[in-house]
C-alpha cells in the first residue's frame, strides 16, 4: 500500500508569559477575553484603547509573543508577516496571593489579599490557503 505524503508545513507558533503581574486574575481575564481568537493587529488596537489596567501588561505579553514568533521564523528561514498572525490561545492563571493586614475596630486585624496573575498568550501564523477551487 503506497502512502502519499503532503509537503504541507505546520503553522509557526510562539508563546509569551508574564508571571506575577499585580492584577487580579478576574480583572485580567476580562481583558484577555477581548482578544482571544482575533488577529494580532486588531488585538493590539483593542488593547491600546482599553481602559482597564490589565490591558497594558496584556499588550506587552502579546508584543513579546509576536517578537518570539519573528525569531522562530528567522531561525526556520520562513517568511514572516505580522498581519498574518492570530491569537490561538490566551489565558490567565492565578499567581500567589500576598497577604497584608490592616488594623480594624476593637483591636482586630483585617486581612487584605493582593492577588497576582500569570498571563499567557499563544500566537500562531494563519495556515496558508490552498489554491482557489480546492477541496472542501
Protein backbone atom coordinates (compact mmCIF):
# COMPACT_ATOMS: atom_id res chain seq x y z
CA UNK A 1 0.00 0.00 0.00
CA UNK A 2 1.53 3.30 -1.07
CA UNK A 3 1.36 6.28 1.21
CA UNK A 4 1.19 9.79 -0.08
CA UNK A 5 2.84 12.50 1.96
CA UNK A 6 1.90 16.11 1.66
CA UNK A 7 4.53 18.79 1.99
CA UNK A 8 2.22 20.99 3.98
CA UNK A 9 4.14 22.82 6.68
CA UNK A 10 2.75 23.32 10.14
CA UNK A 11 1.99 26.91 11.07
CA UNK A 12 4.55 28.55 13.31
CA UNK A 13 3.51 29.32 16.85
CA UNK A 14 5.13 31.11 19.77
CA UNK A 15 4.08 31.99 23.26
CA UNK A 16 4.90 34.56 25.89
CA UNK A 17 4.16 34.53 29.59
CA UNK A 18 4.11 37.36 32.12
CA UNK A 19 4.29 35.98 35.63
CA UNK A 20 3.45 37.61 38.95
CA UNK A 21 1.59 40.54 37.38
CA UNK A 22 -0.04 42.62 40.11
CA UNK A 23 -3.54 42.46 38.65
CA UNK A 24 -6.29 40.25 39.99
CA UNK A 25 -6.96 37.25 37.73
CA UNK A 26 -10.66 38.10 37.32
CA UNK A 27 -9.85 41.58 36.03
CA UNK A 28 -7.11 40.26 33.74
CA UNK A 29 -9.46 37.61 32.30
CA UNK A 30 -11.92 40.35 31.28
CA UNK A 31 -9.19 41.88 29.11
CA UNK A 32 -7.83 38.61 27.73
CA UNK A 33 -11.35 37.55 26.71
CA UNK A 34 -11.48 40.60 24.43
CA UNK A 35 -8.54 39.45 22.29
CA UNK A 36 -8.78 35.65 22.26
CA UNK A 37 -9.12 34.30 18.71
CA UNK A 38 -8.58 37.66 16.98
CA UNK A 39 -5.81 38.63 14.61
CA UNK A 40 -2.89 40.41 16.23
CA UNK A 41 -3.41 43.80 14.58
CA UNK A 42 -6.99 44.02 15.85
CA UNK A 43 -5.93 42.80 19.29
CA UNK A 44 -3.16 45.39 19.58
CA UNK A 45 -5.57 48.19 18.64
CA UNK A 46 -8.13 46.88 21.14
CA UNK A 47 -5.60 46.72 23.97
CA UNK A 48 -4.13 50.15 23.27
CA UNK A 49 -7.51 51.79 23.82
CA UNK A 50 -8.92 49.51 26.52
CA UNK A 51 -9.47 51.46 29.75
CA UNK A 52 -8.71 48.51 32.05
CA UNK A 53 -5.45 48.45 33.97
CA UNK A 54 -4.72 44.88 32.86
CA UNK A 55 -4.62 45.98 29.20
CA UNK A 56 -1.05 47.29 29.44
CA UNK A 57 0.62 44.08 30.70
CA UNK A 58 -1.51 42.02 28.29
CA UNK A 59 -0.36 44.23 25.40
CA UNK A 60 3.26 43.72 26.42
CA UNK A 61 2.78 39.94 26.53
CA UNK A 62 1.16 39.98 23.08
CA UNK A 63 4.00 42.05 21.61
CA UNK A 64 6.52 39.68 23.20
CA UNK A 65 4.78 36.66 21.66
CA UNK A 66 4.89 38.33 18.23
CA UNK A 67 8.61 39.04 18.69
CA UNK A 68 9.19 35.42 19.74
CA UNK A 69 7.44 34.22 16.58
CA UNK A 70 9.56 36.59 14.48
CA UNK A 71 12.71 35.00 15.95
CA UNK A 72 11.35 31.48 15.32
CA UNK A 73 10.53 32.37 11.70
CA UNK A 74 14.05 33.78 11.19
CA UNK A 75 15.62 30.63 12.62
CA UNK A 76 13.44 28.41 10.43
CA UNK A 77 14.07 30.57 7.36
CA UNK A 78 10.38 31.14 6.75
CA UNK A 79 8.65 34.31 5.64
CA UNK A 80 7.19 36.38 8.47
CA UNK A 81 4.21 38.66 8.03
CA UNK A 82 2.84 40.28 11.17
CA UNK A 83 -0.54 40.83 9.51
CA UNK A 84 -0.91 37.06 9.07
CA UNK A 85 -0.95 36.18 12.79
CA UNK A 86 -3.81 35.14 15.03
CA UNK A 87 -4.07 34.67 18.80
CA UNK A 88 -4.78 30.97 19.06
CA UNK A 89 -4.82 30.83 22.84
CA UNK A 90 -4.79 33.36 25.67
CA UNK A 91 -5.44 32.66 29.31
CA UNK A 92 -4.82 33.95 32.82
CA UNK A 93 -3.78 31.75 35.72
CA UNK A 94 -3.79 32.75 39.36
CA UNK A 95 -0.43 33.54 40.89
CA UNK A 96 0.49 33.67 44.57
CA UNK A 97 -1.52 35.95 46.82
CA UNK A 98 0.29 38.41 49.06
CA UNK A 99 -1.45 38.71 52.41
CA UNK A 100 -1.44 42.03 54.19
CA UNK A 101 -3.18 43.11 57.37
CA UNK A 102 -4.92 46.35 58.34
CA UNK A 103 -5.99 47.37 61.82
CA UNK A 104 -9.73 47.23 62.39
CA UNK A 105 -12.03 48.21 65.22
CA UNK A 106 -11.69 46.81 68.74
CA UNK A 107 -8.13 45.55 68.22
CA UNK A 108 -8.94 43.21 65.38
CA UNK A 109 -6.93 42.82 62.17
CA UNK A 110 -8.49 42.60 58.73
CA UNK A 111 -6.72 40.66 56.02
CA UNK A 112 -6.21 42.18 52.57
CA UNK A 113 -5.38 39.84 49.69
CA UNK A 114 -3.15 41.29 46.99
CA UNK A 115 -3.64 38.86 44.14
CA UNK A 116 -1.27 38.23 41.24
CA UNK A 117 -1.74 36.74 37.77
CA UNK A 118 0.20 34.77 35.19
CA UNK A 119 -0.83 35.98 31.70
CA UNK A 120 -0.10 33.64 28.76
CA UNK A 121 -0.60 34.41 25.06
CA UNK A 122 -0.05 31.92 22.22
CA UNK A 123 0.30 33.40 18.71
CA UNK A 124 0.03 31.30 15.54
CA UNK A 125 0.52 32.13 11.89
CA UNK A 126 -2.63 31.58 9.84
CA UNK A 127 -2.41 28.42 7.73
CA UNK A 128 -1.85 29.16 4.08
CA UNK A 129 -4.95 28.72 1.97
CA UNK A 130 -4.97 26.03 -0.68
CA UNK A 131 -5.25 27.01 -4.33
CA UNK A 132 -8.60 28.50 -5.33
CA UNK A 133 -11.23 25.93 -6.17
CA UNK A 134 -9.53 23.34 -3.98
CA UNK A 135 -11.16 20.62 -1.93
CA UNK A 136 -13.68 21.36 0.75
